Amino acid sequence: MTVLKASVKKATKKQPLRGMMDNVMEQFNSAADHINLHPNIRKILSITNNEILVNFPVKMDNGDVEIFTGYRVQHNSALGPYKGGLRYHPTVDLDAARALAMWMTWKTSLAGLPYGGGKGGIKIDPSKYSESELERITRRFTYALADNIGPEHDIPAPDVNTNSQTMAWIADTYMSTRPPAQRTANQHVVTGKPDGSGGLEGRDRATGFGVYLTIKFWAEKNNIDLKGKKYIVQGFGNVGYWASYFLEKDGAKLVAVQDAYGSIQNQNGLNVKNLFDYAKLNKGSIVGFPNSESLDKDDFFAVDCDICIPAALGNQITKENAPKIKAKLIAEGANGPTNVDGERILLERGIAIIPDILCNSGGVIGSYFEWLQNRNGEIWHLEEVMDKLSKKLRGSFNKVFDYSEREKIDTRTAAFCIAIERIEKAYVQRGIFP
């Protein structure tokens, strides 16, 4: 099994890396060529439907007012409402939001969900603001977006540096702007909410659990036992932690971790729960974890291991570090962690790739379950959620694996082909208004 592609804009002085849009468009065009996508539909899918940029003021704790810039890009809604996360990060801009929104379109289509793709966020370093400031920023951003989001129009979710608390603030603000009789009917304006505020049991672990499951399915296809296998994780937030948690339960061994603060390793294994608890008490940082040694940032991907899980930002695996990777499998927990140049090298070296739009799709599938739960006034329990998620992901994985084998193409191109063909079918059947 194999596939890969790219993400976040990151430049060097000598040779700039591809931007996120360059990567996603190359991935799209490669798949579109393979399926002979109709030229008119290619034109439609090559652009975004709507791009919203809002500048809004917020009063800080000291009384000063700061102006923030927020984005929401809506790529395509042929299959249903726009769906995608909101991230709070200094790299957020229109180029990044466009690329991420397109990836969401392919991700939701591949998963067979009635959604299109959207993405956005605020260009901000959240670590520089207090909890009360972040609440005011979030609520003011929600108000600025106004009717550009909605439970049947565009449904945000958590992403980098946002969480269930962020979603609770958005839901409360949005619902408060509706007429009283309509407020509870708008609870599903966002997903990823806390359990006590309309959230879904298991949504917190859905993305990481999905990463683990796709690794497990890949191992089964290749007659590989995960017990004793070594894995490394870049990014030890929600996705990285839960993927590690479930892999450890299967007997795999976490031997290196990298986060925004540094990198650590121990070839004898790092205890996942202990590391997570340590980071919580260490301002989110893994640095200094007992029984581990520090690792140079540039040496992380060269660590001896069987499985590599990039679960941080995009454009992390490039032509510079791809030749050093020792893993036999790349499981993309992040969106676009491997750029197209890096992917070519990995594929040439025979390294398998579970592409992001398949590997981390557990999150949006879990979001779909939460949306249904709110919409229908139901309450789903954890065991039921995990069982449904497993069945949904196995179906998606088998489709991609079988398509890749049948067409003799890499798994990323296979995943894109399946996703694009579903959207193409919708356009062919419905036609173009007017």
Protein backbone atom coordinates (compact mmCIF):
# COMPACT_ATOMS: atom_id res chain seq x y z
CA MET A 1 0.00 0.00 0.00
CA THR A 2 1.36 3.45 -0.80
CA VAL A 3 0.51 7.14 -1.14
CA LEU A 4 1.32 10.63 -0.06
CA LYS A 5 1.07 14.38 -0.50
CA ALA A 6 1.49 17.80 0.92
CA SER A 7 0.66 20.82 3.03
CA VAL A 8 1.72 23.94 4.87
CA LYS A 9 3.70 26.77 3.38
CA LYS A 10 7.23 26.86 4.67
CA ALA A 11 10.11 28.58 2.93
CA THR A 12 13.88 28.58 3.06
CA LYS A 13 16.08 31.40 1.79
CA LYS A 14 17.61 29.25 -0.91
CA GLN A 15 14.78 27.17 -2.30
CA PRO A 16 11.21 27.88 -1.21
CA LEU A 17 9.09 24.83 -0.51
CA ARG A 18 5.88 24.42 -2.42
CA GLY A 19 2.88 26.18 -0.94
CA MET A 20 -0.03 24.11 0.31
CA MET A 21 -2.11 24.96 -2.74
CA ASP A 22 0.68 23.84 -5.08
CA ASN A 23 0.69 20.48 -3.36
CA VAL A 24 -3.05 19.90 -3.20
CA MET A 25 -3.50 20.97 -6.84
CA GLU A 26 -0.78 18.59 -8.01
CA GLN A 27 -2.46 15.78 -6.09
CA PHE A 28 -5.86 16.72 -7.54
CA ASN A 29 -4.62 17.00 -11.12
CA SER A 30 -2.78 13.68 -10.92
CA ALA A 31 -5.98 11.90 -9.88
CA ALA A 32 -8.14 13.90 -12.32
CA ASP A 33 -5.86 12.84 -15.17
CA HIS A 34 -6.06 9.20 -14.11
CA ILE A 35 -9.89 9.15 -14.19
CA ASN A 36 -10.18 11.46 -17.21
CA LEU A 37 -12.26 13.93 -15.20
CA HIS A 38 -14.56 16.01 -17.37
CA PRO A 39 -12.86 19.37 -18.13
CA ASN A 40 -15.85 21.39 -16.91
CA ILE A 41 -15.99 19.58 -13.58
CA ARG A 42 -12.22 19.96 -13.25
CA LYS A 43 -12.69 23.72 -13.58
CA ILE A 44 -15.34 23.75 -10.85
CA LEU A 45 -13.32 21.64 -8.43
CA SER A 46 -10.13 23.63 -9.03
CA ILE A 47 -11.54 26.72 -7.34
CA THR A 48 -13.23 27.51 -4.04
CA ASN A 49 -16.88 28.55 -3.80
CA ASN A 50 -16.48 31.22 -1.12
CA GLU A 51 -13.62 32.87 0.75
CA ILE A 52 -14.49 34.90 3.84
CA LEU A 53 -11.96 37.20 5.51
CA VAL A 54 -12.98 39.10 8.63
CA ASN A 55 -11.07 41.67 10.69
CA PHE A 56 -12.55 42.15 14.14
CA PRO A 57 -11.62 44.02 17.34
CA VAL A 58 -11.34 42.41 20.77
CA LYS A 59 -10.66 44.05 24.13
CA MET A 60 -7.72 42.49 25.97
CA ASP A 61 -7.46 41.91 29.71
CA ASN A 62 -5.46 45.13 30.11
CA GLY A 63 -8.13 47.20 28.38
CA ASP A 64 -6.29 47.58 25.06
CA VAL A 65 -8.03 46.63 21.81
CA GLU A 66 -6.37 44.30 19.31
CA ILE A 67 -7.51 43.61 15.75
CA PHE A 68 -7.54 39.98 14.63
CA THR A 69 -7.89 38.44 11.16
CA GLY A 70 -10.05 35.36 10.70
CA TYR A 71 -10.69 33.21 7.65
CA ARG A 72 -13.28 30.72 6.43
CA VAL A 73 -12.93 29.11 3.01
CA GLN A 74 -15.76 27.02 1.56
CA HIS A 75 -14.50 24.84 -1.27
CA ASN A 76 -17.40 22.76 -2.57
CA SER A 77 -20.87 21.76 -1.41
CA ALA A 78 -21.99 19.37 -4.16
CA LEU A 79 -22.47 16.57 -1.63
CA GLY A 80 -23.74 18.59 1.34
CA PRO A 81 -22.92 21.38 3.81
CA TYR A 82 -19.34 22.58 4.13
CA LYS A 83 -17.44 20.80 6.92
CA GLY A 84 -14.03 21.43 8.38
CA GLY A 85 -11.97 22.64 11.29
CA LEU A 86 -10.94 26.02 12.64
CA ARG A 87 -7.29 26.38 13.65
CA TYR A 88 -5.62 29.06 15.73
CA HIS A 89 -2.05 29.35 14.44
CA PRO A 90 0.39 31.95 13.05
CA THR A 91 0.47 30.08 9.70
CA VAL A 92 -3.26 30.56 9.06
CA ASP A 93 -3.86 32.50 5.84
CA LEU A 94 -6.04 32.24 2.72
CA ASP A 95 -3.58 29.98 0.88
CA ALA A 96 -3.51 27.51 3.75
CA ALA A 97 -7.29 27.68 4.24
CA ARG A 98 -7.93 27.07 0.52
CA ALA A 99 -5.74 23.97 0.47
CA LEU A 100 -7.15 22.58 3.70
CA ALA A 101 -10.72 23.19 2.51
CA MET A 102 -10.02 21.25 -0.69
CA TRP A 103 -8.55 18.37 1.30
CA MET A 104 -11.71 18.35 3.40
CA THR A 105 -13.84 18.02 0.26
CA TRP A 106 -11.89 14.92 -0.78
CA LYS A 107 -11.85 13.56 2.78
CA THR A 108 -15.61 13.79 3.32
CA SER A 109 -16.32 12.39 -0.15
CA LEU A 110 -13.96 9.45 0.37
CA ALA A 111 -15.64 8.69 3.71
CA GLY A 112 -19.05 8.65 2.01
CA LEU A 113 -20.38 11.54 4.12
CA PRO A 114 -23.03 14.09 3.00
CA TYR A 115 -20.57 16.98 3.31
CA GLY A 116 -18.39 19.29 1.30
CA GLY A 117 -15.11 20.87 2.38
CA GLY A 118 -14.46 23.99 4.42
CA LYS A 119 -11.61 25.24 6.61
CA GLY A 120 -10.49 28.35 8.39
CA GLY A 121 -9.24 29.89 11.57
CA ILE A 122 -7.52 32.88 13.10
CA LYS A 123 -3.95 34.02 12.47
CA ILE A 124 -2.88 33.95 16.11
CA ASP A 125 -0.48 32.36 18.58
CA PRO A 126 -2.94 31.27 21.29
CA SER A 127 -0.17 30.75 23.85
CA LYS A 128 0.16 34.54 24.09
CA TYR A 129 -3.41 35.06 25.30
CA SER A 130 -5.28 34.27 28.49
CA GLU A 131 -8.27 31.92 28.63
CA SER A 132 -10.67 34.85 28.98
CA GLU A 133 -9.06 36.63 26.01
CA LEU A 134 -9.32 33.48 23.87
CA GLU A 135 -12.99 33.21 24.79
CA ARG A 136 -13.66 36.80 23.71
CA ILE A 137 -11.64 36.32 20.51
CA THR A 138 -13.59 33.15 19.69
CA ARG A 139 -17.00 34.68 20.40
CA ARG A 140 -16.22 37.83 18.40
CA PHE A 141 -14.93 35.72 15.49
CA THR A 142 -18.16 33.69 15.55
CA TYR A 143 -20.22 36.89 15.50
CA ALA A 144 -18.12 38.25 12.61
CA LEU A 145 -18.72 35.09 10.57
CA ALA A 146 -22.46 35.50 11.22
CA ASP A 147 -24.58 33.57 8.69
CA ASN A 148 -21.53 32.30 6.81
CA ILE A 149 -21.72 29.27 9.12
CA GLY A 150 -24.79 27.27 10.14
CA PRO A 151 -25.86 23.69 10.97
CA GLU A 152 -27.13 23.04 7.44
CA HIS A 153 -24.64 25.32 5.67
CA ASP A 154 -21.12 25.21 7.15
CA ILE A 155 -20.22 23.25 10.29
CA PRO A 156 -16.83 24.02 11.92
CA ALA A 157 -14.95 21.62 14.19
CA PRO A 158 -11.73 21.62 16.26
CA ASP A 159 -8.34 21.70 14.58
CA VAL A 160 -4.82 22.82 15.52
CA ASN A 161 -4.87 24.71 18.85
CA THR A 162 -8.67 24.56 19.18
CA ASN A 163 -10.66 22.09 21.25
CA SER A 164 -14.06 21.21 22.70
CA GLN A 165 -14.07 24.37 24.81
CA THR A 166 -13.56 26.48 21.68
CA MET A 167 -16.50 24.71 20.04
CA ALA A 168 -18.70 25.27 23.11
CA TRP A 169 -18.02 29.03 22.92
CA ILE A 170 -18.85 29.08 19.20
CA ALA A 171 -22.07 27.08 19.66
CA ASP A 172 -23.22 29.26 22.55
CA THR A 173 -22.49 32.49 20.66
CA TYR A 174 -24.17 31.31 17.48
CA MET A 175 -27.23 29.96 19.31
CA SER A 176 -27.55 33.21 21.28
CA THR A 177 -27.92 35.16 18.02
CA ARG A 178 -30.88 33.03 16.90
CA PRO A 179 -34.52 33.71 17.87
CA PRO A 180 -35.33 31.95 21.18
CA ALA A 181 -37.51 29.27 19.58
CA GLN A 182 -34.68 28.30 17.20
CA ARG A 183 -31.73 28.17 19.57
CA THR A 184 -31.67 24.49 20.52
CA ALA A 185 -32.33 23.55 16.90
CA ASN A 186 -28.93 25.08 16.03
CA GLN A 187 -26.82 23.08 18.48
CA HIS A 188 -25.17 21.20 15.61
CA VAL A 189 -23.65 24.40 14.14
CA VAL A 190 -20.32 22.94 15.29
CA THR A 191 -19.07 19.48 16.20
CA GLY A 192 -16.41 18.45 18.67
CA LYS A 193 -18.34 19.99 21.58
CA PRO A 194 -17.91 18.82 25.22
CA ASP A 195 -19.96 15.77 26.25
CA GLY A 196 -22.21 17.87 28.46
CA SER A 197 -22.98 20.40 25.74
CA GLY A 198 -24.22 18.21 22.92
CA GLY A 199 -20.91 16.52 22.21
CA LEU A 200 -20.40 12.90 21.16
CA GLU A 201 -18.83 10.32 23.46
CA GLY A 202 -15.58 9.31 21.81
CA ARG A 203 -15.26 12.36 19.54
CA ASP A 204 -12.13 13.36 21.46
CA ARG A 205 -10.33 10.18 20.36
CA ALA A 206 -11.95 9.65 16.96
CA THR A 207 -9.12 11.08 14.82
CA GLY A 208 -6.32 9.29 16.68
CA PHE A 209 -8.35 6.08 16.84
CA GLY A 210 -8.82 6.32 13.08
CA VAL A 211 -5.06 6.73 12.56
CA TYR A 212 -4.50 3.61 14.68
CA LEU A 213 -7.19 1.66 12.83
CA THR A 214 -5.80 2.41 9.37
CA ILE A 215 -2.36 1.30 10.58
CA LYS A 216 -3.93 -1.90 11.94
CA PHE A 217 -5.79 -2.51 8.65
CA TRP A 218 -2.57 -1.96 6.69
CA ALA A 219 -0.72 -4.39 8.95
CA GLU A 220 -3.45 -7.01 8.46
CA LYS A 221 -3.26 -6.63 4.67
CA ASN A 222 0.50 -7.15 4.83
CA ASN A 223 0.43 -9.97 7.43
CA ILE A 224 2.33 -7.85 9.93
CA ASP A 225 1.97 -8.18 13.70
CA LEU A 226 2.04 -4.77 15.42
CA LYS A 227 3.33 -6.25 18.66
CA GLY A 228 6.89 -5.06 19.23
CA LYS A 229 6.89 -2.71 16.26
CA LYS A 230 8.55 0.66 16.89
CA TYR A 231 6.78 3.89 15.99
CA ILE A 232 7.56 7.60 16.18
CA VAL A 233 5.05 10.44 16.46
CA GLN A 234 5.43 14.06 15.44
CA GLY A 235 2.92 16.13 17.39
CA PHE A 236 1.70 14.86 20.74
CA GLY A 237 -1.62 16.64 20.91
CA ASN A 238 -5.01 15.00 20.68
CA VAL A 239 -4.29 13.00 17.51
CA GLY A 240 -0.76 11.93 18.38
CA TYR A 241 -1.71 10.90 21.90
CA TRP A 242 -4.74 8.77 21.01
CA ALA A 243 -3.01 7.08 18.06
CA SER A 244 -0.15 6.23 20.42
CA TYR A 245 -2.52 5.09 23.17
CA PHE A 246 -4.21 2.50 20.94
CA LEU A 247 -0.97 1.35 19.29
CA GLU A 248 0.59 0.78 22.71
CA LYS A 249 -2.41 -1.36 23.69
CA ASP A 250 -1.63 -3.53 20.66
CA GLY A 251 1.94 -4.00 21.88
CA ALA A 252 3.69 -1.47 19.63
CA LYS A 253 6.47 0.63 21.15
CA LEU A 254 6.68 4.45 21.04
CA VAL A 255 10.39 5.25 20.66
CA ALA A 256 10.48 8.96 19.72
CA VAL A 257 8.23 12.02 19.91
CA GLN A 258 8.57 15.54 18.57
CA ASP A 259 6.46 18.55 19.50
CA ALA A 260 6.75 22.32 19.10
CA TYR A 261 9.21 22.46 22.02
CA GLY A 262 11.65 19.70 21.12
CA SER A 263 12.27 16.01 20.43
CA ILE A 264 12.92 13.03 22.70
CA GLN A 265 13.68 9.35 22.20
CA ASN A 266 14.15 6.05 24.00
CA GLN A 267 14.58 2.90 21.91
CA ASN A 268 13.33 0.85 24.86
CA GLY A 269 10.00 2.65 24.70
CA LEU A 270 8.25 5.73 26.10
CA ASN A 271 5.14 5.14 28.24
CA VAL A 272 2.31 6.92 26.42
CA LYS A 273 0.09 7.78 29.41
CA ASN A 274 3.03 8.91 31.54
CA LEU A 275 4.31 11.12 28.74
CA PHE A 276 0.88 12.66 28.20
CA ASP A 277 0.48 13.37 31.92
CA TYR A 278 3.99 14.84 32.07
CA ALA A 279 3.32 17.18 29.13
CA LYS A 280 0.10 18.44 30.75
CA LEU A 281 2.07 19.46 33.84
CA ASN A 282 4.94 20.86 31.75
CA LYS A 283 3.02 23.56 29.85
CA GLY A 284 2.30 21.12 27.01
CA SER A 285 5.95 20.26 26.41
CA ILE A 286 7.44 16.75 26.25
CA VAL A 287 10.97 18.08 26.79
CA GLY A 288 12.70 16.71 29.87
CA PHE A 289 10.54 13.58 30.19
CA PRO A 290 12.27 11.11 32.57
CA ASN A 291 14.13 8.16 31.02
CA SER A 292 14.38 9.87 27.64
CA GLU A 293 17.19 11.61 25.82
CA SER A 294 16.87 14.77 23.77
CA LEU A 295 17.10 14.54 20.01
CA ASP A 296 18.10 17.15 17.47
CA LYS A 297 15.06 18.42 15.57
CA ASP A 298 16.56 17.57 12.17
CA ASP A 299 17.31 13.99 13.23
CA PHE A 300 13.76 13.11 14.26
CA PHE A 301 12.57 11.52 11.01
CA ALA A 302 15.83 9.52 10.80
CA VAL A 303 15.07 7.62 14.04
CA ASP A 304 15.10 3.84 13.65
CA CYS A 305 11.46 2.69 13.59
CA ASP A 306 8.84 0.71 11.68
CA ILE A 307 6.03 3.30 11.59
CA CYS A 308 6.14 7.09 11.38
CA ILE A 309 3.09 9.17 12.32
CA PRO A 310 3.36 12.85 11.35
CA ALA A 311 0.49 14.37 13.38
CA ALA A 312 1.46 18.03 13.57
CA LEU A 313 1.44 20.53 10.71
CA GLY A 314 1.88 20.21 6.95
CA ASN A 315 5.00 20.12 4.78
CA GLN A 316 7.05 18.23 7.36
CA ILE A 317 8.36 15.40 5.15
CA THR A 318 10.26 16.93 2.25
CA LYS A 319 12.92 16.01 -0.28
CA GLU A 320 15.52 17.01 2.33
CA ASN A 321 14.50 14.50 5.03
CA ALA A 322 12.62 11.82 3.04
CA PRO A 323 15.88 10.00 2.11
CA LYS A 324 16.70 9.62 5.84
CA ILE A 325 13.42 8.02 6.90
CA LYS A 326 13.80 4.44 8.14
CA ALA A 327 10.10 3.67 8.70
CA LYS A 328 8.34 1.21 6.41
CA LEU A 329 5.01 3.03 6.78
CA ILE A 330 3.99 6.69 6.96
CA ALA A 331 0.55 7.16 8.56
CA GLU A 332 -0.52 10.76 8.00
CA GLY A 333 -2.26 11.96 11.14
CA ALA A 334 -1.90 15.60 10.05
CA ASN A 335 -3.25 17.23 6.90
CA GLY A 336 -0.64 17.40 4.13
CA PRO A 337 2.39 16.46 6.25
CA THR A 338 4.29 15.17 3.20
CA ASN A 339 4.89 17.39 0.22
CA VAL A 340 4.91 16.04 -3.32
CA ASP A 341 8.71 16.12 -3.65
CA GLY A 342 9.13 14.18 -0.41
CA GLU A 343 6.46 11.72 -1.46
CA ARG A 344 8.18 10.87 -4.72
CA ILE A 345 11.29 9.89 -2.80
CA LEU A 346 9.31 7.78 -0.32
CA LEU A 347 7.48 5.93 -3.09
CA GLU A 348 10.72 5.31 -4.98
CA ARG A 349 12.14 3.81 -1.77
CA GLY A 350 9.12 1.51 -1.40
CA ILE A 351 7.83 3.17 1.77
CA ALA A 352 4.07 2.72 2.17
CA ILE A 353 1.87 5.73 2.86
CA ILE A 354 -1.63 5.91 4.34
CA PRO A 355 -2.77 9.27 2.93
CA ASP A 356 -4.18 11.96 5.16
CA ILE A 357 -7.67 12.01 3.61
CA LEU A 358 -8.00 8.36 4.66
CA CYS A 359 -5.72 8.10 7.70
CA ASN A 360 -7.12 10.99 9.76
CA SER A 361 -10.71 10.83 8.51
CA GLY A 362 -11.90 9.33 11.82
CA GLY A 363 -12.32 12.89 13.09
CA VAL A 364 -14.78 14.02 10.45
CA ILE A 365 -16.63 10.69 10.65
CA GLY A 366 -16.99 11.23 14.41
CA SER A 367 -18.17 14.76 13.69
CA TYR A 368 -20.81 13.38 11.36
CA PHE A 369 -22.05 11.09 14.13
CA GLU A 370 -22.25 14.06 16.54
CA TRP A 371 -24.11 16.13 13.92
CA LEU A 372 -26.62 13.31 13.45
CA GLN A 373 -26.99 12.88 17.21
CA ASN A 374 -27.84 16.58 17.68
CA ARG A 375 -30.03 16.72 14.60
CA ASN A 376 -32.12 13.74 15.67
CA GLY A 377 -32.18 14.47 19.39
CA GLU A 378 -30.41 11.21 20.21
CA ILE A 379 -27.63 10.18 22.59
CA TRP A 380 -25.01 7.74 21.29
CA HIS A 381 -22.77 5.83 23.72
CA LEU A 382 -19.03 5.26 23.44
CA GLU A 383 -19.10 1.56 22.51
CA GLU A 384 -21.66 2.23 19.75
CA VAL A 385 -19.63 5.17 18.42
CA MET A 386 -16.36 3.21 18.27
CA ASP A 387 -18.04 0.26 16.57
CA LYS A 388 -19.65 2.48 13.91
CA LEU A 389 -16.38 4.31 13.39
CA SER A 390 -14.45 1.05 12.93
CA LYS A 391 -16.92 -0.25 10.33
CA LYS A 392 -16.92 3.04 8.41
CA LEU A 393 -13.14 3.28 8.33
CA ARG A 394 -12.65 -0.36 7.33
CA GLY A 395 -14.96 0.22 4.38
CA SER A 396 -13.01 3.29 3.28
CA PHE A 397 -9.65 1.58 3.76
CA ASN A 398 -10.65 -1.47 1.73
CA LYS A 399 -11.94 0.71 -1.12
CA VAL A 400 -8.65 2.61 -1.32
CA PHE A 401 -6.48 -0.51 -0.98
CA ASP A 402 -8.43 -2.43 -3.62
CA TYR A 403 -8.49 0.55 -6.03
CA SER A 404 -4.74 1.01 -5.60
CA GLU A 405 -4.07 -2.66 -6.31
CA ARG A 406 -6.47 -2.82 -9.24
CA GLU A 407 -5.24 0.34 -10.95
CA LYS A 408 -1.60 -0.17 -9.93
CA ILE A 409 -1.34 3.34 -8.51
CA ASP A 410 -0.25 4.73 -5.16
CA THR A 411 -2.80 4.94 -2.38
CA ARG A 412 -3.04 8.74 -2.30
CA THR A 413 -3.95 8.90 -5.98
CA ALA A 414 -6.39 6.02 -5.42
CA ALA A 415 -8.05 7.85 -2.52
CA PHE A 416 -8.33 11.06 -4.56
CA CYS A 417 -9.77 9.16 -7.54
CA ILE A 418 -12.51 7.58 -5.41
CA ALA A 419 -13.36 10.94 -3.81
CA ILE A 420 -13.42 12.91 -7.06
CA GLU A 421 -15.46 10.29 -8.91
CA ARG A 422 -18.22 10.53 -6.29
CA ILE A 423 -18.42 14.31 -6.69
CA GLU A 424 -18.27 14.03 -10.48
CA LYS A 425 -21.24 11.66 -10.37
CA ALA A 426 -23.25 14.21 -8.39
CA TYR A 427 -22.57 16.93 -10.97
CA VAL A 428 -23.36 14.63 -13.91
CA GLN A 429 -26.67 13.59 -12.37
CA ARG A 430 -27.77 17.04 -11.22
CA GLY A 431 -26.34 19.23 -13.95
CA ILE A 432 -25.10 22.81 -13.57
CA PHE A 433 -27.58 25.58 -12.65
CA PRO A 434 -29.00 27.21 -14.76
